[in-house]
Amino acid sequence: MSLLKLFSCHLIFTLSVFTLAESANEYHTTRWLRCIYSSPDLSDMVYTDSYYFNKYLLTQFNSTLGKFVGFSEYGMRNAEFWNNNTNFLQREKASVDTYCKYNAQIYDSIIHDKAVKPRVMLSSVKQAGGRHPALLMCSAYEFYPPHIKVSWLRDGKLMTSDVTSVMEMADGDWYYQIHSELEYTPKSGEKISCMVEHASSTQPMIYDWDPSLPESERNKIAIGASGLVLGIVLAAAGLIYYKKKSSGRILVPN
């Protein structure tokens, strides 16, 4: 499983009914080039070249089909004309390598150099109601770039139902955060994991949920352990100081 990547280029042309036309009387013809891939070796690269009139898709070339397809009467006429234009059709087919893969290699190298790995936390959330008794939250913080995918696994298998995720949110300091919730019914012996896919790692990052103790109890243990360690350090420091002071002392008989 890997993270879907996409980059695109928009070419927008504006046609006005009159020279001094109002914005309501303007029409936009848009050409949208898109490269979609997920594999590191770019073997699954898909190139699309779409033509829109305002928001309506007229004609599209898709590299998986190797031809243009029309989505309206006018669009179908365009598709037939371009499919019969051998030179133009060959250039479109070649764009998978000459445009998509070429730019994807540059894009990936830049992103990987600047990528920051997310800090991931798993927590149990109390809920007032719901169909299931358990609610887990997987939170990813301080990552860059913003594109990220958070999934849930049960015994290694992808879970698709009862999952709620929010969009990436900007922290205002060039970093991002995202949160995903899983509502489920716990079963004995199962393993629930949060899987995070991001440009900062070539492999999916998997974090297992430990249900052995409630979160409040784990927090108490963590605080108690920290206090114990601090006490040992202070006691050791006091003992060392006492021995140094004692070794420099000269005993005088009365």
Protein backbone atom coordinates (compact mmCIF):
# COMPACT_ATOMS: atom_id res chain seq x y z
CA MET A 1 0.00 0.00 0.00
CA SER A 2 1.33 3.39 -0.87
CA LEU A 3 0.38 7.01 -0.87
CA LEU A 4 -1.36 8.38 -3.96
CA LYS A 5 0.54 11.27 -5.52
CA LEU A 6 -0.69 13.80 -8.02
CA PHE A 7 0.53 16.92 -9.71
CA SER A 8 -1.29 18.91 -12.34
CA CYS A 9 -1.10 21.88 -14.65
CA HIS A 10 -3.99 24.19 -15.56
CA LEU A 11 -4.18 26.14 -18.82
CA ILE A 12 -7.16 28.53 -18.69
CA PHE A 13 -8.47 30.61 -21.55
CA THR A 14 -11.18 33.25 -21.12
CA LEU A 15 -13.64 34.11 -23.90
CA SER A 16 -15.85 37.19 -23.51
CA VAL A 17 -19.10 37.80 -25.34
CA PHE A 18 -18.33 41.51 -25.57
CA THR A 19 -15.10 43.46 -25.35
CA LEU A 20 -16.22 45.07 -22.07
CA ALA A 21 -18.09 42.03 -20.81
CA GLU A 22 -19.18 41.60 -17.24
CA SER A 23 -17.86 38.59 -15.34
CA ALA A 24 -21.26 36.87 -15.65
CA ASN A 25 -20.90 36.89 -19.45
CA GLU A 26 -17.44 35.31 -19.50
CA TYR A 27 -16.80 31.71 -20.49
CA HIS A 28 -13.77 29.65 -19.57
CA THR A 29 -12.19 26.88 -21.61
CA THR A 30 -9.82 24.94 -19.35
CA ARG A 31 -7.22 22.32 -20.18
CA TRP A 32 -6.13 20.27 -17.16
CA LEU A 33 -3.10 17.98 -17.35
CA ARG A 34 -2.82 15.49 -14.49
CA CYS A 35 -0.23 12.85 -13.50
CA ILE A 36 -1.41 10.28 -10.93
CA TYR A 37 0.83 7.61 -9.42
CA SER A 38 1.60 5.78 -6.17
CA SER A 39 4.48 3.37 -6.79
CA PRO A 40 8.11 4.47 -6.14
CA ASP A 41 9.21 3.22 -9.59
CA LEU A 42 6.40 5.20 -11.33
CA SER A 43 5.18 1.99 -13.01
CA ASP A 44 1.52 2.82 -12.33
CA MET A 45 1.70 6.36 -13.75
CA VAL A 46 -1.55 7.58 -15.34
CA TYR A 47 -1.68 10.69 -17.52
CA THR A 48 -4.93 12.52 -18.30
CA ASP A 49 -5.48 15.55 -20.54
CA SER A 50 -8.93 17.01 -19.89
CA TYR A 51 -10.76 19.83 -21.68
CA TYR A 52 -13.53 21.71 -19.84
CA PHE A 53 -16.02 24.38 -20.86
CA ASN A 54 -16.71 26.26 -17.61
CA LYS A 55 -17.18 23.31 -15.19
CA TYR A 56 -18.30 20.73 -17.77
CA LEU A 57 -15.90 18.04 -18.99
CA LEU A 58 -16.00 17.88 -22.79
CA THR A 59 -13.13 15.62 -23.87
CA GLN A 60 -10.42 13.67 -22.07
CA PHE A 61 -7.35 11.66 -23.02
CA ASN A 62 -6.49 8.85 -20.60
CA SER A 63 -3.19 6.99 -20.96
CA THR A 64 -4.75 3.76 -19.66
CA LEU A 65 -7.14 3.83 -22.66
CA GLY A 66 -4.64 5.33 -25.07
CA LYS A 67 -7.25 7.53 -26.74
CA PHE A 68 -9.60 10.50 -26.31
CA VAL A 69 -13.14 10.07 -25.00
CA GLY A 70 -15.98 12.57 -25.43
CA PHE A 71 -18.54 13.40 -22.74
CA SER A 72 -20.91 15.51 -24.82
CA GLU A 73 -21.91 15.73 -28.46
CA TYR A 74 -19.30 18.41 -29.10
CA GLY A 75 -16.75 16.52 -26.99
CA MET A 76 -17.29 13.29 -28.93
CA ARG A 77 -16.66 15.13 -32.21
CA ASN A 78 -13.40 16.48 -30.76
CA ALA A 79 -12.42 13.02 -29.53
CA GLU A 80 -13.01 11.47 -32.96
CA PHE A 81 -11.01 14.22 -34.69
CA TRP A 82 -8.04 13.96 -32.28
CA ASN A 83 -8.02 10.15 -32.30
CA ASN A 84 -7.65 10.31 -36.08
CA ASN A 85 -4.76 12.78 -35.77
CA THR A 86 -1.90 10.26 -35.56
CA ASN A 87 0.85 12.74 -34.63
CA PHE A 88 -1.17 14.43 -31.88
CA LEU A 89 -2.33 11.08 -30.45
CA GLN A 90 1.24 9.74 -30.33
CA ARG A 91 2.43 12.87 -28.51
CA GLU A 92 -0.31 12.38 -25.93
CA LYS A 93 0.66 8.74 -25.41
CA ALA A 94 4.32 9.72 -25.03
CA SER A 95 3.45 12.33 -22.36
CA VAL A 96 3.40 9.57 -19.73
CA ASP A 97 7.21 9.48 -20.04
CA THR A 98 8.12 12.90 -21.42
CA TYR A 99 5.90 14.93 -19.09
CA CYS A 100 4.70 12.83 -16.15
CA LYS A 101 7.59 10.55 -15.24
CA TYR A 102 10.19 13.21 -16.04
CA ASN A 103 8.58 15.77 -13.72
CA ALA A 104 7.64 13.19 -11.08
CA GLN A 105 11.30 12.26 -10.58
CA ILE A 106 12.18 15.93 -10.02
CA TYR A 107 9.14 16.44 -7.78
CA ASP A 108 9.89 13.38 -5.62
CA SER A 109 13.55 14.28 -5.15
CA ILE A 110 12.65 17.79 -3.96
CA ILE A 111 9.90 16.57 -1.63
CA HIS A 112 12.00 13.82 -0.05
CA ASP A 113 14.81 16.28 0.69
CA LYS A 114 12.43 18.57 2.61
CA ALA A 115 10.02 16.01 4.08
CA VAL A 116 9.51 15.96 7.85
CA LYS A 117 8.34 12.71 9.47
CA PRO A 118 5.06 12.98 11.43
CA ARG A 119 4.86 12.48 15.20
CA VAL A 120 2.06 9.95 15.68
CA MET A 121 -0.02 9.38 18.84
CA LEU A 122 -2.70 6.75 19.53
CA SER A 123 -5.30 7.50 22.20
CA SER A 124 -8.62 6.24 23.52
CA VAL A 125 -11.46 8.77 23.33
CA LYS A 126 -14.53 8.78 25.54
CA GLN A 127 -17.78 9.10 23.62
CA ALA A 128 -21.28 9.94 24.81
CA GLY A 129 -22.97 7.63 22.35
CA GLY A 130 -22.30 5.49 19.30
CA ARG A 131 -22.89 2.06 17.85
CA HIS A 132 -19.66 0.64 19.29
CA PRO A 133 -18.22 0.85 22.82
CA ALA A 134 -14.66 1.78 21.82
CA LEU A 135 -13.35 4.87 20.03
CA LEU A 136 -9.69 5.28 19.13
CA MET A 137 -7.97 8.36 17.69
CA CYS A 138 -4.80 8.35 15.60
CA SER A 139 -3.20 11.80 15.44
CA ALA A 140 -0.23 12.81 13.28
CA TYR A 141 1.53 16.09 14.10
CA GLU A 142 4.26 18.34 12.69
CA PHE A 143 4.71 16.74 9.27
CA TYR A 144 5.55 18.15 5.84
CA PRO A 145 4.49 18.06 3.01
CA PRO A 146 0.75 18.06 3.79
CA HIS A 147 -0.20 15.05 1.66
CA ILE A 148 -0.66 12.09 4.02
CA LYS A 149 -2.80 8.97 4.33
CA VAL A 150 -4.01 7.55 7.66
CA SER A 151 -5.61 4.07 7.74
CA TRP A 152 -6.69 1.53 10.35
CA LEU A 153 -5.75 -2.15 10.43
CA ARG A 154 -7.34 -5.01 12.36
CA ASP A 155 -4.95 -7.98 12.57
CA GLY A 156 -3.16 -6.58 9.53
CA LYS A 157 -6.29 -6.16 7.40
CA LEU A 158 -7.53 -2.76 6.25
CA MET A 159 -10.65 -1.42 7.99
CA THR A 160 -12.96 0.75 5.89
CA SER A 161 -16.14 1.09 7.97
CA ASP A 162 -16.70 3.26 11.05
CA VAL A 163 -13.64 5.38 10.23
CA THR A 164 -13.77 9.18 10.35
CA SER A 165 -10.87 11.39 9.24
CA VAL A 166 -10.37 15.12 8.92
CA MET A 167 -8.43 16.94 6.23
CA GLU A 168 -4.85 18.02 6.81
CA MET A 169 -4.83 21.15 8.97
CA ALA A 170 -2.09 23.77 8.80
CA ASP A 171 -0.40 24.65 12.09
CA GLY A 172 0.65 28.07 10.77
CA ASP A 173 4.37 27.22 10.93
CA TRP A 174 4.70 25.26 7.65
CA TYR A 175 3.79 22.03 9.44
CA TYR A 176 0.50 20.11 9.39
CA GLN A 177 -1.61 17.79 11.53
CA ILE A 178 -4.37 15.27 10.87
CA HIS A 179 -6.68 13.14 13.05
CA SER A 180 -8.52 9.90 12.30
CA GLU A 181 -11.09 8.17 14.54
CA LEU A 182 -12.05 4.50 14.62
CA GLU A 183 -15.27 3.36 16.28
CA TYR A 184 -15.18 -0.40 16.89
CA THR A 185 -16.10 -3.29 19.18
CA PRO A 186 -12.99 -4.78 20.85
CA LYS A 187 -12.35 -8.52 20.52
CA SER A 188 -10.04 -10.65 22.65
CA GLY A 189 -6.62 -11.27 21.11
CA GLU A 190 -7.02 -8.86 18.19
CA LYS A 191 -4.46 -6.22 17.18
CA ILE A 192 -5.60 -2.73 16.14
CA SER A 193 -3.03 -0.59 14.33
CA CYS A 194 -2.86 2.85 12.78
CA MET A 195 -1.00 2.99 9.46
CA VAL A 196 0.46 6.31 8.27
CA GLU A 197 1.81 6.80 4.73
CA HIS A 198 3.85 9.92 4.05
CA ALA A 199 6.61 11.17 1.75
CA SER A 200 9.05 11.20 4.68
CA SER A 201 9.13 7.38 4.70
CA THR A 202 9.50 4.90 1.86
CA GLN A 203 7.48 2.34 3.85
CA PRO A 204 4.13 2.67 5.66
CA MET A 205 4.56 3.55 9.35
CA ILE A 206 2.47 1.23 11.55
CA TYR A 207 1.61 1.97 15.20
CA ASP A 208 -0.07 -0.72 17.32
CA TRP A 209 -2.66 0.11 19.97
CA ASP A 210 -1.94 -1.33 23.43
CA PRO A 211 -5.27 -1.91 25.22
CA SER A 212 -3.67 -3.57 28.28
CA LEU A 213 -4.43 -0.56 30.51
CA PRO A 214 -6.82 2.37 30.28
CA GLU A 215 -5.17 5.57 29.17
CA SER A 216 -5.64 7.19 32.61
CA GLU A 217 -3.86 4.29 34.30
CA ARG A 218 -1.00 4.39 31.79
CA ASN A 219 -0.59 8.10 32.46
CA LYS A 220 -0.46 7.48 36.24
CA ILE A 221 2.19 4.79 35.78
CA ALA A 222 4.24 7.05 33.51
CA ILE A 223 4.09 9.92 36.04
CA GLY A 224 4.97 7.58 38.91
CA ALA A 225 7.91 6.10 37.02
CA SER A 226 9.20 9.57 36.19
CA GLY A 227 8.98 10.59 39.85
CA LEU A 228 10.83 7.44 40.93
CA VAL A 229 13.66 8.05 38.47
CA LEU A 230 13.94 11.67 39.59
CA GLY A 231 14.07 10.59 43.25
CA ILE A 232 16.85 8.07 42.54
CA VAL A 233 18.89 10.71 40.70
CA LEU A 234 18.53 13.22 43.54
CA ALA A 235 19.41 10.59 46.16
CA ALA A 236 22.51 9.54 44.24
CA ALA A 237 23.62 13.15 43.86
CA GLY A 238 23.16 13.75 47.59
CA LEU A 239 25.17 10.63 48.46
CA ILE A 240 28.06 11.66 46.17
CA TYR A 241 28.10 15.16 47.66
CA TYR A 242 28.13 13.75 51.23
CA LYS A 243 31.05 11.39 50.48
CA LYS A 244 33.12 14.21 48.95
CA LYS A 245 32.55 16.44 51.97
CA SER A 246 33.38 13.56 54.35
CA SER A 247 36.64 12.66 52.55
CA GLY A 248 37.99 16.24 53.00
CA ARG A 249 37.27 16.35 56.74
CA ILE A 250 40.19 15.92 59.35
CA LEU A 251 39.25 14.36 62.68
CA VAL A 252 40.92 16.02 65.74
CA PRO A 253 40.90 14.04 69.08
CA ASN A 254 39.41 15.83 72.09
